């Protein structure tokens, strides 16, 4: 028997695909939102998270298929820019894709979660939210914003039995960095910086997200949970 629908944004690859597959295996109905409308598990829906109307339409379409019990705001974008040359438009585009989309998707899911008796929103942030990283001011700012968004929504919506959490991964092996990790220099860089001597796997992030959805821990909300192999606290 289905446990209800969980929306996962950016469900076509990497961490989002692993989360979608994990939640599907746990018995949830997965609604995977992506630009292509494809998903590795469940049902796919077309959605551009940088467009407010697109998010609203996608969430409404998902809601017409059944009871929404959760949302995973995973979709995001990484770009490097020299800060001295960073345009306002470039900064705002990355903020809109990574942070504004979290507010909009959560807002659109809110009434469905509230009317269904509550639920859980998991935002996928990054340990970059607490680091100073050259050429990454827009990305770091967007991920720090996710932590703030998580805290504010958790406090405001607690009365509606809606919990909000931020899972902040460190260096995760995906198709985007496969070439780097295939080189000896790449793995040496990893071993020098991450205490556990390896990158994380998308499946590990997915297992944590799945645990949050299947564990009844009603007192846990508003927190950022770091999953970085110790890198963010390592000198």
Protein backbone atom coordinates (compact mmCIF):
# COMPACT_ATOMS: atom_id res chain seq x y z
CA UNK A 1 0.00 0.00 0.00
CA UNK A 2 1.37 3.43 -0.97
CA UNK A 3 2.45 5.77 1.81
CA UNK A 4 1.53 8.84 -0.25
CA UNK A 5 3.33 11.02 -2.80
CA UNK A 6 6.71 12.63 -2.27
CA UNK A 7 7.78 15.24 -4.80
CA UNK A 8 11.48 15.17 -5.71
CA UNK A 9 12.88 18.01 -7.81
CA UNK A 10 15.84 17.29 -10.07
CA UNK A 11 15.08 13.57 -10.07
CA UNK A 12 16.81 12.58 -13.31
CA UNK A 13 20.40 12.12 -12.17
CA UNK A 14 22.90 12.23 -9.33
CA UNK A 15 21.62 12.71 -5.80
CA UNK A 16 18.05 13.41 -6.95
CA UNK A 17 17.85 10.16 -8.91
CA UNK A 18 19.19 8.19 -5.94
CA UNK A 19 16.65 9.82 -3.62
CA UNK A 20 13.78 9.08 -6.00
CA UNK A 21 14.83 5.42 -6.27
CA UNK A 22 15.23 5.07 -2.49
CA UNK A 23 11.83 6.57 -1.69
CA UNK A 24 10.19 4.39 -4.35
CA UNK A 25 11.80 1.31 -2.81
CA UNK A 26 10.44 2.37 0.58
CA UNK A 27 6.88 2.30 -0.76
CA UNK A 28 6.23 5.97 -1.45
CA UNK A 29 4.79 7.21 -4.72
CA UNK A 30 7.48 9.41 -6.24
CA UNK A 31 6.69 12.45 -8.37
CA UNK A 32 9.94 13.38 -10.12
CA UNK A 33 10.11 16.98 -11.32
CA UNK A 34 12.63 17.91 -14.03
CA UNK A 35 12.94 19.99 -17.17
CA UNK A 36 12.65 16.86 -19.30
CA UNK A 37 9.81 15.34 -17.30
CA UNK A 38 11.85 12.18 -16.84
CA UNK A 39 12.50 10.36 -13.56
CA UNK A 40 14.29 7.16 -12.58
CA UNK A 41 11.41 6.10 -10.34
CA UNK A 42 7.72 6.87 -10.03
CA UNK A 43 6.03 9.34 -12.35
CA UNK A 44 7.77 12.21 -14.11
CA UNK A 45 6.47 15.78 -14.41
CA UNK A 46 7.88 18.64 -16.47
CA UNK A 47 9.10 21.51 -14.30
CA UNK A 48 11.66 24.30 -14.58
CA UNK A 49 12.47 25.21 -10.97
CA UNK A 50 13.78 28.63 -12.03
CA UNK A 51 10.24 29.50 -13.18
CA UNK A 52 7.61 30.20 -10.49
CA UNK A 53 4.62 29.37 -12.68
CA UNK A 54 6.20 26.10 -13.80
CA UNK A 55 6.63 25.00 -10.18
CA UNK A 56 3.06 25.95 -9.28
CA UNK A 57 1.64 24.05 -12.25
CA UNK A 58 3.71 20.95 -11.56
CA UNK A 59 2.78 20.78 -7.87
CA UNK A 60 -0.90 21.26 -8.72
CA UNK A 61 -0.72 18.44 -11.27
CA UNK A 62 0.94 16.13 -8.74
CA UNK A 63 -1.72 16.99 -6.15
CA UNK A 64 -4.44 15.96 -8.60
CA UNK A 65 -2.97 12.43 -8.60
CA UNK A 66 -3.16 11.80 -4.84
CA UNK A 67 -2.12 12.89 -1.34
CA UNK A 68 1.21 14.70 -1.08
CA UNK A 69 3.08 13.72 2.10
CA UNK A 70 6.51 15.18 1.39
CA UNK A 71 8.76 17.30 -0.75
CA UNK A 72 12.48 17.01 -1.49
CA UNK A 73 13.93 20.25 -2.87
CA UNK A 74 16.98 18.78 -4.59
CA UNK A 75 17.26 20.59 -7.94
CA UNK A 76 20.12 23.03 -8.11
CA UNK A 77 22.91 24.52 -10.15
CA UNK A 78 26.64 24.98 -9.56
CA UNK A 79 28.61 27.65 -11.37
CA UNK A 80 32.00 29.17 -10.66
CA UNK A 81 32.50 32.89 -11.22
CA UNK A 82 35.32 35.28 -10.46
CA UNK A 83 33.63 37.49 -7.89
CA UNK A 84 35.14 40.67 -9.33
CA UNK A 85 33.42 39.92 -12.65
CA UNK A 86 30.16 38.43 -11.34
CA UNK A 87 27.13 40.17 -12.79
CA UNK A 88 23.97 40.77 -10.83
CA UNK A 89 22.05 38.73 -13.39
CA UNK A 90 24.35 35.72 -12.96
CA UNK A 91 24.11 35.94 -9.17
CA UNK A 92 20.32 36.27 -9.25
CA UNK A 93 19.92 33.36 -11.70
CA UNK A 94 21.81 31.00 -9.41
CA UNK A 95 19.94 32.26 -6.33
CA UNK A 96 16.62 31.85 -8.13
CA UNK A 97 17.44 28.29 -9.20
CA UNK A 98 18.94 27.12 -5.90
CA UNK A 99 17.15 29.12 -3.21
CA UNK A 100 14.05 30.91 -4.52
CA UNK A 101 12.86 27.61 -5.98
CA UNK A 102 12.93 26.10 -2.48
CA UNK A 103 10.65 28.83 -1.17
CA UNK A 104 8.28 28.57 -4.13
CA UNK A 105 8.04 24.75 -4.17
CA UNK A 106 7.55 24.67 -0.40
CA UNK A 107 4.87 27.35 -0.63
CA UNK A 108 3.02 25.44 -3.34
CA UNK A 109 3.21 22.17 -1.39
CA UNK A 110 2.22 23.79 1.91
CA UNK A 111 -1.58 23.70 1.62
CA UNK A 112 -1.54 20.11 0.40
CA UNK A 113 0.64 18.99 3.30
CA UNK A 114 -1.41 20.98 5.83
CA UNK A 115 -4.75 19.71 4.53
CA UNK A 116 -3.40 16.15 4.60
CA UNK A 117 -2.46 16.38 8.26
CA UNK A 118 1.17 17.40 7.90
CA UNK A 119 4.33 16.09 6.29
CA UNK A 120 8.04 16.60 5.78
CA UNK A 121 10.06 18.88 3.52
CA UNK A 122 13.73 17.98 3.02
CA UNK A 123 15.92 20.58 1.37
CA UNK A 124 19.23 19.50 -0.14
CA UNK A 125 21.80 22.12 0.80
CA UNK A 126 25.58 21.87 0.92
CA UNK A 127 28.41 22.08 3.43
CA UNK A 128 29.55 25.04 1.34
CA UNK A 129 26.98 27.00 3.36
CA UNK A 130 29.58 27.40 6.12
CA UNK A 131 32.80 27.59 4.09
CA UNK A 132 34.65 30.37 2.30
CA UNK A 133 35.19 29.08 -1.23
CA UNK A 134 36.86 31.15 -3.93
CA UNK A 135 34.89 31.71 -7.15
CA UNK A 136 31.76 30.35 -5.47
CA UNK A 137 30.15 33.34 -3.78
CA UNK A 138 26.79 32.89 -5.51
CA UNK A 139 26.63 29.14 -4.90
CA UNK A 140 27.69 29.44 -1.26
CA UNK A 141 25.20 32.24 -0.68
CA UNK A 142 22.39 30.18 -2.19
CA UNK A 143 23.17 27.18 0.01
CA UNK A 144 23.43 29.35 3.13
CA UNK A 145 20.01 30.72 2.20
CA UNK A 146 18.61 27.20 2.17
CA UNK A 147 19.61 26.78 5.81
CA UNK A 148 17.82 30.02 6.72
CA UNK A 149 14.75 29.08 4.69
CA UNK A 150 14.65 25.71 6.44
CA UNK A 151 14.74 27.29 9.91
CA UNK A 152 12.10 29.89 9.15
CA UNK A 153 9.62 27.49 7.53
CA UNK A 154 10.13 24.95 10.31
CA UNK A 155 9.18 27.51 12.95
CA UNK A 156 6.25 28.96 11.01
CA UNK A 157 4.72 25.65 9.92
CA UNK A 158 5.27 23.57 13.05
CA UNK A 159 1.69 24.30 14.09
CA UNK A 160 0.55 22.57 10.90
CA UNK A 161 2.54 19.42 11.70
CA UNK A 162 4.95 20.18 8.85
CA UNK A 163 8.62 19.58 9.57
CA UNK A 164 11.41 21.06 7.48
CA UNK A 165 15.02 19.82 7.39
CA UNK A 166 18.18 20.66 5.47
CA UNK A 167 20.50 17.82 4.40
CA UNK A 168 23.87 19.34 3.52
CA UNK A 169 26.18 16.93 1.66
CA UNK A 170 29.87 17.39 1.10
CA UNK A 171 31.80 16.01 -1.87
CA UNK A 172 29.56 13.40 -3.53
CA UNK A 173 30.63 11.26 -6.50
CA UNK A 174 28.30 11.87 -9.45
CA UNK A 175 28.52 11.87 -13.22
CA UNK A 176 29.52 15.54 -13.04
CA UNK A 177 32.85 14.79 -11.33
CA UNK A 178 33.50 11.27 -12.63
CA UNK A 179 36.37 12.42 -14.84
CA UNK A 180 38.09 14.22 -11.96
CA UNK A 181 37.73 11.20 -9.65
CA UNK A 182 39.08 8.84 -12.30
CA UNK A 183 42.47 10.57 -12.13
CA UNK A 184 45.10 9.81 -9.50
CA UNK A 185 45.50 13.51 -8.73
CA UNK A 186 41.77 13.80 -8.14
CA UNK A 187 41.68 10.97 -5.63
CA UNK A 188 44.80 12.32 -3.91
CA UNK A 189 43.03 15.67 -3.52
CA UNK A 190 40.06 13.86 -1.95
CA UNK A 191 42.20 11.81 0.43
CA UNK A 192 44.03 14.91 1.67
CA UNK A 193 40.86 16.83 2.45
CA UNK A 194 38.23 14.31 3.57
CA UNK A 195 38.95 12.43 6.81
CA UNK A 196 37.15 9.28 5.61
CA UNK A 197 39.47 9.31 2.54
CA UNK A 198 36.77 9.06 -0.11
CA UNK A 199 33.87 10.97 -1.64
CA UNK A 200 30.33 10.21 -0.55
CA UNK A 201 27.92 8.29 -2.74
CA UNK A 202 24.48 9.50 -3.88
CA UNK A 203 23.01 6.34 -2.35
CA UNK A 204 24.30 7.42 1.08
CA UNK A 205 22.52 10.77 0.85
CA UNK A 206 19.41 8.95 -0.36
CA UNK A 207 19.49 6.57 2.61
CA UNK A 208 19.58 9.50 5.01
CA UNK A 209 16.66 11.17 3.26
CA UNK A 210 14.73 7.89 3.27
CA UNK A 211 15.40 7.48 6.98
CA UNK A 212 14.05 10.95 7.68
CA UNK A 213 10.82 10.11 5.85
CA UNK A 214 10.33 6.73 7.49
CA UNK A 215 11.34 7.61 11.05
CA UNK A 216 8.75 9.19 13.29
CA UNK A 217 10.91 11.87 14.92
CA UNK A 218 8.42 14.67 15.38
CA UNK A 219 10.73 16.79 17.55
CA UNK A 220 13.36 17.04 14.79
CA UNK A 221 12.79 20.11 12.64
CA UNK A 222 14.62 23.17 11.37
CA UNK A 223 18.05 21.55 11.55
CA UNK A 224 20.84 21.33 9.00
CA UNK A 225 22.31 17.82 8.94
CA UNK A 226 25.83 17.77 7.51
CA UNK A 227 27.02 14.70 5.61
CA UNK A 228 30.54 15.45 4.42
CA UNK A 229 32.85 12.72 5.72
CA UNK A 230 34.16 15.19 8.29
CA UNK A 231 35.57 17.57 5.68
CA UNK A 232 33.76 20.68 6.90
CA UNK A 233 35.27 20.38 10.39
CA UNK A 234 38.71 19.17 9.32
CA UNK A 235 41.79 21.41 9.51
